[in-house]
Amino acid sequence: MNRAAFTLSAIVVAILLSLGLREALQVAPIEATMGNIYRIFYYHVPAYATAFTMFAVNLLASIFYLVRRHSPTAAAADAVAVSSAEVGVIFCSLGLMTGMLWAKPVWGIWWTWDPRLTSTFVLWLIYVSYLMLRRLSESGQAPTLAAALAIFGFVDVPIVYMSIRWWRTQHPQPVIFGEQGSGLDPSMWPALLINFAGFLCYGALIFWVRYKLERARQELHEAQAVRSLELARAEAR
């Protein structure tokens, strides 16, 4: 992505997020039960949707890396994996924080060990552990171990999604893909869909920038390794 494409993408993201903010705070109606606090919904749900999308990208890249880790494309797959995991953790953290801001006025507490909240917190811990493994391990096997951890970690994503269907939970029941269809009023859909688009595009833009940085880091590391090998050979002569 050149500078012009990046600038255009950033403008599109800014427009979508601005429109989403206006729709969420001014246009969307007040929810009958929870009032204005319900407007967090228009950010809470897109944040998790973006996080889950990035974790899915991480899963696919990790599988590809394990299958083709000796091929020339393995480095690119590894860069995709670590970049998507970082962006996913950012949006998962945003989802947790907006959830707590929502819970305090509605439930009277910031946090409860509800199945949905607990499984989401475990998911966050798994991917933070993934990033710590990538950051702190100096072993050459770190990418392989991290890829295995990523595959294990993604198992928690469907658990998080289905937790409010499988167990009795304090978390609200699904209003988008519920058993009786959507529970959203038609006037609420524009705010949600625009923020969905804005968050996904923003996440994709951050991911692309992080991916390019990771590829540059890999290339620098490879160049340093080659240079060190050449110096060692020169000294041995």
C-alpha atoms as a PDB file:
ATOM      1  CA  MET A   1       0.000   0.000   0.000  1.00  0.00           C
ATOM      2  CA  ASN A   2       1.557   3.273  -1.136  1.00  0.00           C
ATOM      3  CA  ARG A   3       1.104   6.616   0.585  1.00  0.00           C
ATOM      4  CA  ALA A   4      -1.816   7.679  -1.606  1.00  0.00           C
ATOM      5  CA  ALA A   5      -3.694   4.426  -0.962  1.00  0.00           C
ATOM      6  CA  PHE A   6      -3.019   4.697   2.761  1.00  0.00           C
ATOM      7  CA  THR A   7      -4.256   8.295   2.843  1.00  0.00           C
ATOM      8  CA  LEU A   8      -7.418   7.372   0.937  1.00  0.00           C
ATOM      9  CA  SER A   9      -8.040   4.411   3.257  1.00  0.00           C
ATOM     10  CA  ALA A  10      -7.541   6.585   6.322  1.00  0.00           C
ATOM     11  CA  ILE A  11     -10.029   9.129   4.972  1.00  0.00           C
ATOM     12  CA  VAL A  12     -12.615   6.400   4.350  1.00  0.00           C
ATOM     13  CA  VAL A  13     -12.109   5.082   7.899  1.00  0.00           C
ATOM     14  CA  ALA A  14     -12.443   8.583   9.366  1.00  0.00           C
ATOM     15  CA  ILE A  15     -15.670   9.176   7.426  1.00  0.00           C
ATOM     16  CA  LEU A  16     -17.170   5.852   8.501  1.00  0.00           C
ATOM     17  CA  LEU A  17     -16.270   6.356  12.150  1.00  0.00           C
ATOM     18  CA  SER A  18     -17.609   9.920  12.085  1.00  0.00           C
ATOM     19  CA  LEU A  19     -20.888   8.816  10.518  1.00  0.00           C
ATOM     20  CA  GLY A  20     -21.076   5.957  12.998  1.00  0.00           C
ATOM     21  CA  LEU A  21     -20.572   8.341  15.904  1.00  0.00           C
ATOM     22  CA  ARG A  22     -23.350  10.607  14.660  1.00  0.00           C
ATOM     23  CA  GLU A  23     -25.727   7.692  14.091  1.00  0.00           C
ATOM     24  CA  ALA A  24     -24.970   6.144  17.477  1.00  0.00           C
ATOM     25  CA  LEU A  25     -25.217   9.315  19.576  1.00  0.00           C
ATOM     26  CA  GLN A  26     -27.749  11.469  17.739  1.00  0.00           C
ATOM     27  CA  VAL A  27     -29.828   9.515  15.235  1.00  0.00           C
ATOM     28  CA  ALA A  28     -30.422   6.114  16.863  1.00  0.00           C
ATOM     29  CA  PRO A  29     -33.419   6.118  19.236  1.00  0.00           C
ATOM     30  CA  ILE A  30     -33.151   5.770  23.000  1.00  0.00           C
ATOM     31  CA  GLU A  31     -33.580   2.148  24.093  1.00  0.00           C
ATOM     32  CA  ALA A  32     -36.772   1.726  26.133  1.00  0.00           C
ATOM     33  CA  THR A  33     -35.259  -0.277  29.015  1.00  0.00           C
ATOM     34  CA  MET A  34     -31.673   0.939  29.433  1.00  0.00           C
ATOM     35  CA  GLY A  35     -31.916   4.441  28.022  1.00  0.00           C
ATOM     36  CA  ASN A  36     -28.846   6.194  26.609  1.00  0.00           C
ATOM     37  CA  ILE A  37     -26.372   3.732  28.129  1.00  0.00           C
ATOM     38  CA  TYR A  38     -27.494   1.329  25.416  1.00  0.00           C
ATOM     39  CA  ARG A  39     -25.580   3.414  22.881  1.00  0.00           C
ATOM     40  CA  ILE A  40     -22.393   1.631  24.004  1.00  0.00           C
ATOM     41  CA  PHE A  41     -23.845  -1.347  22.127  1.00  0.00           C
ATOM     42  CA  TYR A  42     -22.952   0.341  18.823  1.00  0.00           C
ATOM     43  CA  TYR A  43     -19.254   0.162  19.775  1.00  0.00           C
ATOM     44  CA  HIS A  44     -19.207  -2.897  22.026  1.00  0.00           C
ATOM     45  CA  VAL A  45     -20.455  -5.310  19.369  1.00  0.00           C
ATOM     46  CA  PRO A  46     -18.327  -4.008  16.428  1.00  0.00           C
ATOM     47  CA  ALA A  47     -15.228  -4.122  18.652  1.00  0.00           C
ATOM     48  CA  TYR A  48     -15.750  -7.816  19.322  1.00  0.00           C
ATOM     49  CA  ALA A  49     -16.649  -8.502  15.683  1.00  0.00           C
ATOM     50  CA  THR A  50     -13.351  -6.954  14.615  1.00  0.00           C
ATOM     51  CA  ALA A  51     -11.435  -8.864  17.300  1.00  0.00           C
ATOM     52  CA  PHE A  52     -12.961 -12.185  16.245  1.00  0.00           C
ATOM     53  CA  THR A  53     -12.216 -11.416  12.593  1.00  0.00           C
ATOM     54  CA  MET A  54      -8.568 -10.764  13.422  1.00  0.00           C
ATOM     55  CA  PHE A  55      -8.360 -13.924  15.506  1.00  0.00           C
ATOM     56  CA  ALA A  56      -9.774 -15.858  12.530  1.00  0.00           C
ATOM     57  CA  VAL A  57      -7.068 -14.356  10.304  1.00  0.00           C
ATOM     58  CA  ASN A  58      -4.504 -15.337  12.935  1.00  0.00           C
ATOM     59  CA  LEU A  59      -5.853 -18.895  12.936  1.00  0.00           C
ATOM     60  CA  LEU A  60      -5.632 -19.272   9.157  1.00  0.00           C
ATOM     61  CA  ALA A  61      -2.150 -17.742   9.019  1.00  0.00           C
ATOM     62  CA  SER A  62      -0.962 -19.976  11.876  1.00  0.00           C
ATOM     63  CA  ILE A  63      -2.255 -23.124  10.156  1.00  0.00           C
ATOM     64  CA  PHE A  64      -0.603 -22.055   6.912  1.00  0.00           C
ATOM     65  CA  TYR A  65       2.654 -21.404   8.748  1.00  0.00           C
ATOM     66  CA  LEU A  66       2.661 -24.834  10.386  1.00  0.00           C
ATOM     67  CA  VAL A  67       1.939 -26.565   7.072  1.00  0.00           C
ATOM     68  CA  ARG A  68       4.429 -24.512   5.019  1.00  0.00           C
ATOM     69  CA  ARG A  69       6.950 -23.394   7.621  1.00  0.00           C
ATOM     70  CA  HIS A  70       9.891 -24.461   5.433  1.00  0.00           C
ATOM     71  CA  SER A  71       8.631 -22.623   2.352  1.00  0.00           C
ATOM     72  CA  PRO A  72       9.564 -19.069   1.259  1.00  0.00           C
ATOM     73  CA  THR A  73       6.037 -17.879   2.123  1.00  0.00           C
ATOM     74  CA  ALA A  74       6.294 -18.954   5.774  1.00  0.00           C
ATOM     75  CA  ALA A  75       7.725 -15.616   6.905  1.00  0.00           C
ATOM     76  CA  ALA A  76       4.845 -13.690   5.364  1.00  0.00           C
ATOM     77  CA  ALA A  77       2.316 -16.020   7.003  1.00  0.00           C
ATOM     78  CA  ASP A  78       4.055 -15.552  10.355  1.00  0.00           C
ATOM     79  CA  ALA A  79       3.917 -11.771   9.905  1.00  0.00           C
ATOM     80  CA  VAL A  80       0.184 -11.979   9.154  1.00  0.00           C
ATOM     81  CA  ALA A  81      -0.324 -14.113  12.270  1.00  0.00           C
ATOM     82  CA  VAL A  82       1.448 -11.845  14.739  1.00  0.00           C
ATOM     83  CA  SER A  83       0.004  -8.655  13.219  1.00  0.00           C
ATOM     84  CA  SER A  84      -3.592  -9.909  13.327  1.00  0.00           C
ATOM     85  CA  ALA A  85      -3.134 -11.160  16.899  1.00  0.00           C
ATOM     86  CA  GLU A  86      -1.955  -7.736  18.062  1.00  0.00           C
ATOM     87  CA  VAL A  87      -4.860  -5.939  16.410  1.00  0.00           C
ATOM     88  CA  GLY A  88      -7.281  -8.565  17.743  1.00  0.00           C
ATOM     89  CA  VAL A  89      -6.077  -8.036  21.298  1.00  0.00           C
ATOM     90  CA  ILE A  90      -6.555  -4.271  20.941  1.00  0.00           C
ATOM     91  CA  PHE A  91     -10.184  -4.634  19.866  1.00  0.00           C
ATOM     92  CA  CYS A  92     -10.858  -7.409  22.384  1.00  0.00           C
ATOM     93  CA  SER A  93      -9.574  -5.065  25.114  1.00  0.00           C
ATOM     94  CA  LEU A  94     -11.892  -2.360  23.787  1.00  0.00           C
ATOM     95  CA  GLY A  95     -14.792  -4.815  23.934  1.00  0.00           C
ATOM     96  CA  LEU A  96     -13.997  -5.723  27.539  1.00  0.00           C
ATOM     97  CA  MET A  97     -13.733  -2.081  28.572  1.00  0.00           C
ATOM     98  CA  THR A  98     -16.978  -1.020  26.884  1.00  0.00           C
ATOM     99  CA  GLY A  99     -18.653  -4.034  28.445  1.00  0.00           C
ATOM    100  CA  MET A 100     -17.612  -2.926  31.917  1.00  0.00           C
ATOM    101  CA  LEU A 101     -18.784   0.635  31.219  1.00  0.00           C
ATOM    102  CA  TRP A 102     -22.116  -0.860  30.181  1.00  0.00           C
ATOM    103  CA  ALA A 103     -22.337  -3.210  33.152  1.00  0.00           C
ATOM    104  CA  LYS A 104     -21.844  -0.634  35.901  1.00  0.00           C
ATOM    105  CA  PRO A 105     -25.090   1.364  35.379  1.00  0.00           C
ATOM    106  CA  VAL A 106     -27.108  -1.682  34.241  1.00  0.00           C
ATOM    107  CA  TRP A 107     -25.947  -4.368  36.698  1.00  0.00           C
ATOM    108  CA  GLY A 108     -24.559  -2.129  39.433  1.00  0.00           C
ATOM    109  CA  ILE A 109     -21.090  -3.726  39.222  1.00  0.00           C
ATOM    110  CA  TRP A 110     -18.132  -3.384  36.904  1.00  0.00           C
ATOM    111  CA  TRP A 111     -17.486  -7.116  36.569  1.00  0.00           C
ATOM    112  CA  THR A 112     -19.074 -10.454  37.404  1.00  0.00           C
ATOM    113  CA  TRP A 113     -17.787 -13.946  36.668  1.00  0.00           C
ATOM    114  CA  ASP A 114     -20.543 -14.541  34.163  1.00  0.00           C
ATOM    115  CA  PRO A 115     -19.916 -17.319  31.550  1.00  0.00           C
ATOM    116  CA  ARG A 116     -19.747 -14.806  28.684  1.00  0.00           C
ATOM    117  CA  LEU A 117     -17.445 -12.431  30.542  1.00  0.00           C
ATOM    118  CA  THR A 118     -15.240 -15.178  31.936  1.00  0.00           C
ATOM    119  CA  SER A 119     -14.784 -16.944  28.586  1.00  0.00           C
ATOM    120  CA  THR A 120     -13.985 -13.604  26.941  1.00  0.00           C
ATOM    121  CA  PHE A 121     -11.403 -12.788  29.612  1.00  0.00           C
ATOM    122  CA  VAL A 122      -9.827 -16.230  29.079  1.00  0.00           C
ATOM    123  CA  LEU A 123      -9.725 -15.502  25.337  1.00  0.00           C
ATOM    124  CA  TRP A 124      -7.959 -12.205  26.001  1.00  0.00           C
ATOM    125  CA  LEU A 125      -5.435 -13.939  28.283  1.00  0.00           C
ATOM    126  CA  ILE A 126      -4.696 -16.592  25.649  1.00  0.00           C
ATOM    127  CA  TYR A 127      -3.858 -14.061  22.971  1.00  0.00           C
ATOM    128  CA  VAL A 128      -1.889 -11.867  25.357  1.00  0.00           C
ATOM    129  CA  SER A 129       0.088 -15.020  26.217  1.00  0.00           C
ATOM    130  CA  TYR A 130       0.584 -15.575  22.490  1.00  0.00           C
ATOM    131  CA  LEU A 131       2.055 -12.086  22.106  1.00  0.00           C
ATOM    132  CA  MET A 132       4.241 -12.504  25.196  1.00  0.00           C
ATOM    133  CA  LEU A 133       5.586 -15.765  23.778  1.00  0.00           C
ATOM    134  CA  ARG A 134       6.428 -14.000  20.537  1.00  0.00           C
ATOM    135  CA  ARG A 135       8.033 -11.093  22.349  1.00  0.00           C
ATOM    136  CA  LEU A 136       9.993 -12.806  25.121  1.00  0.00           C
ATOM    137  CA  SER A 137      11.059 -16.121  23.647  1.00  0.00           C
ATOM    138  CA  GLU A 138      14.466 -16.136  21.960  1.00  0.00           C
ATOM    139  CA  SER A 139      14.062 -19.690  20.705  1.00  0.00           C
ATOM    140  CA  GLY A 140      13.913 -20.334  16.983  1.00  0.00           C
ATOM    141  CA  GLN A 141      10.854 -22.459  17.675  1.00  0.00           C
ATOM    142  CA  ALA A 142       8.863 -19.502  19.025  1.00  0.00           C
ATOM    143  CA  PRO A 143       6.818 -18.975  15.808  1.00  0.00           C
ATOM    144  CA  THR A 144       5.932 -22.670  15.693  1.00  0.00           C
ATOM    145  CA  LEU A 145       4.925 -22.764  19.368  1.00  0.00           C
ATOM    146  CA  ALA A 146       2.952 -19.541  18.942  1.00  0.00           C
ATOM    147  CA  ALA A 147       1.118 -20.951  15.920  1.00  0.00           C
ATOM    148  CA  ALA A 148       0.104 -24.013  17.942  1.00  0.00           C
ATOM    149  CA  LEU A 149      -1.079 -21.761  20.773  1.00  0.00           C
ATOM    150  CA  ALA A 150      -3.084 -19.664  18.295  1.00  0.00           C
ATOM    151  CA  ILE A 151      -4.939 -22.731  17.030  1.00  0.00           C
ATOM    152  CA  PHE A 152      -5.723 -23.738  20.603  1.00  0.00           C
ATOM    153  CA  GLY A 153      -6.758 -20.192  21.494  1.00  0.00           C
ATOM    154  CA  PHE A 154      -9.249 -19.837  18.675  1.00  0.00           C
ATOM    155  CA  VAL A 155     -11.259 -22.731  20.130  1.00  0.00           C
ATOM    156  CA  ASP A 156     -12.446 -20.242  22.747  1.00  0.00           C
ATOM    157  CA  VAL A 157     -13.969 -17.917  20.129  1.00  0.00           C
ATOM    158  CA  PRO A 158     -17.049 -20.098  19.421  1.00  0.00           C
ATOM    159  CA  ILE A 159     -17.310 -20.760  23.160  1.00  0.00           C
ATOM    160  CA  VAL A 160     -17.512 -17.014  23.789  1.00  0.00           C
ATOM    161  CA  TYR A 161     -20.087 -16.593  21.030  1.00  0.00           C
ATOM    162  CA  MET A 162     -22.291 -19.486  22.152  1.00  0.00           C
ATOM    163  CA  SER A 163     -21.909 -19.030  25.911  1.00  0.00           C
ATOM    164  CA  ILE A 164     -25.146 -17.055  26.294  1.00  0.00           C
ATOM    165  CA  ARG A 165     -26.981 -19.848  24.481  1.00  0.00           C
ATOM    166  CA  TRP A 166     -25.365 -22.758  26.312  1.00  0.00           C
ATOM    167  CA  TRP A 167     -25.493 -21.451  29.886  1.00  0.00           C
ATOM    168  CA  ARG A 168     -27.704 -19.294  32.033  1.00  0.00           C
ATOM    169  CA  THR A 169     -25.954 -15.959  31.981  1.00  0.00           C
ATOM    170  CA  GLN A 170     -26.418 -12.435  33.229  1.00  0.00           C
ATOM    171  CA  HIS A 171     -25.308 -11.115  29.859  1.00  0.00           C
ATOM    172  CA  PRO A 172     -28.194  -9.997  27.594  1.00  0.00           C
ATOM    173  CA  GLN A 173     -29.455 -12.605  25.155  1.00  0.00           C
ATOM    174  CA  PRO A 174     -28.544 -12.158  21.457  1.00  0.00           C
ATOM    175  CA  VAL A 175     -30.520  -9.451  19.718  1.00  0.00           C
ATOM    176  CA  ILE A 176     -29.027  -9.797  16.224  1.00  0.00           C
ATOM    177  CA  PHE A 177     -29.084 -13.550  15.590  1.00  0.00           C
ATOM    178  CA  GLY A 178     -31.462 -14.582  18.320  1.00  0.00           C
ATOM    179  CA  GLU A 179     -33.783 -17.578  18.276  1.00  0.00           C
ATOM    180  CA  GLN A 180     -36.669 -15.361  17.161  1.00  0.00           C
ATOM    181  CA  GLY A 181     -34.703 -13.291  14.671  1.00  0.00           C
ATOM    182  CA  SER A 182     -33.339  -9.818  15.226  1.00  0.00           C
ATOM    183  CA  GLY A 183     -34.500  -7.964  18.291  1.00  0.00           C
ATOM    184  CA  LEU A 184     -33.211  -4.646  17.008  1.00  0.00           C
ATOM    185  CA  ASP A 185     -35.584  -1.924  15.958  1.00  0.00           C
ATOM    186  CA  PRO A 186     -35.066  -1.103  12.249  1.00  0.00           C
ATOM    187  CA  SER A 187     -34.028   2.441  13.197  1.00  0.00           C
ATOM    188  CA  MET A 188     -31.068   1.015  15.161  1.00  0.00           C
ATOM    189  CA  TRP A 189     -29.547  -0.893  12.265  1.00  0.00           C
ATOM    190  CA  PRO A 190     -27.825   2.042  10.458  1.00  0.00           C
ATOM    191  CA  ALA A 191     -25.775   2.979  13.526  1.00  0.00           C
ATOM    192  CA  LEU A 192     -24.721  -0.622  14.078  1.00  0.00           C
ATOM    193  CA  LEU A 193     -23.877  -1.392  10.441  1.00  0.00           C
ATOM    194  CA  ILE A 194     -21.913   1.828   9.879  1.00  0.00           C
ATOM    195  CA  ASN A 195     -19.876   1.191  13.022  1.00  0.00           C
ATOM    196  CA  PHE A 196     -19.357  -2.405  11.925  1.00  0.00           C
ATOM    197  CA  ALA A 197     -17.908  -1.138   8.652  1.00  0.00           C
ATOM    198  CA  GLY A 198     -15.875   1.581  10.363  1.00  0.00           C
ATOM    199  CA  PHE A 199     -14.346  -0.737  12.961  1.00  0.00           C
ATOM    200  CA  LEU A 200     -13.549  -3.480  10.435  1.00  0.00           C
ATOM    201  CA  CYS A 201     -11.935  -1.010   8.040  1.00  0.00           C
ATOM    202  CA  TYR A 202     -10.005   0.608  10.885  1.00  0.00           C
ATOM    203  CA  GLY A 203      -8.818  -2.790  12.086  1.00  0.00           C
ATOM    204  CA  ALA A 204      -7.767  -3.749   8.547  1.00  0.00           C
ATOM    205  CA  LEU A 205      -5.840  -0.500   8.156  1.00  0.00           C
ATOM    206  CA  ILE A 206      -3.980  -0.972  11.454  1.00  0.00           C
ATOM    207  CA  PHE A 207      -3.311  -4.588  10.532  1.00  0.00           C
ATOM    208  CA  TRP A 208      -1.800  -3.626   7.190  1.00  0.00           C
ATOM    209  CA  VAL A 209       0.514  -1.048   8.755  1.00  0.00           C
ATOM    210  CA  ARG A 210       1.596  -3.526  11.429  1.00  0.00           C
ATOM    211  CA  TYR A 211       2.134  -6.238   8.807  1.00  0.00           C
ATOM    212  CA  LYS A 212       4.422  -4.001   6.741  1.00  0.00           C
ATOM    213  CA  LEU A 213       6.418  -3.151   9.865  1.00  0.00           C
ATOM    214  CA  GLU A 214       6.752  -6.837  10.747  1.00  0.00           C
ATOM    215  CA  ARG A 215       7.917  -7.723   7.242  1.00  0.00           C
ATOM    216  CA  ALA A 216      10.496  -4.924   7.407  1.00  0.00           C
ATOM    217  CA  ARG A 217      11.682  -6.262  10.775  1.00  0.00           C
ATOM    218  CA  GLN A 218      11.993  -9.766   9.331  1.00  0.00           C
ATOM    219  CA  GLU A 219      13.975  -8.517   6.347  1.00  0.00           C
ATOM    220  CA  LEU A 220      16.289  -6.516   8.614  1.00  0.00           C
ATOM    221  CA  HIS A 221      16.810  -9.555  10.841  1.00  0.00           C
ATOM    222  CA  GLU A 222      17.615 -11.721   7.808  1.00  0.00           C
ATOM    223  CA  ALA A 223      20.039  -9.105   6.452  1.00  0.00           C
ATOM    224  CA  GLN A 224      21.797  -8.903   9.828  1.00  0.00           C
ATOM    225  CA  ALA A 225      22.049 -12.689   9.977  1.00  0.00           C
ATOM    226  CA  VAL A 226      23.552 -12.830   6.469  1.00  0.00           C
ATOM    227  CA  ARG A 227      25.983 -10.036   7.331  1.00  0.00           C
ATOM    228  CA  SER A 228      27.051 -11.796  10.516  1.00  0.00           C
ATOM    229  CA  LEU A 229      27.632 -15.018   8.562  1.00  0.00           C
ATOM    230  CA  GLU A 230      29.706 -13.208   5.959  1.00  0.00           C
ATOM    231  CA  LEU A 231      31.846 -11.578   8.662  1.00  0.00           C
ATOM    232  CA  ALA A 232      32.352 -14.933  10.369  1.00  0.00           C
ATOM    233  CA  ARG A 233      33.465 -16.495   7.110  1.00  0.00           C
ATOM    234  CA  ALA A 234      35.802 -13.599   6.396  1.00  0.00           C
ATOM    235  CA  GLU A 235      37.418 -13.917   9.827  1.00  0.00           C
ATOM    236  CA  ALA A 236      37.824 -17.668   9.349  1.00  0.00           C
ATOM    237  CA  ARG A 237      39.868 -17.212   6.149  1.00  0.00           C
END
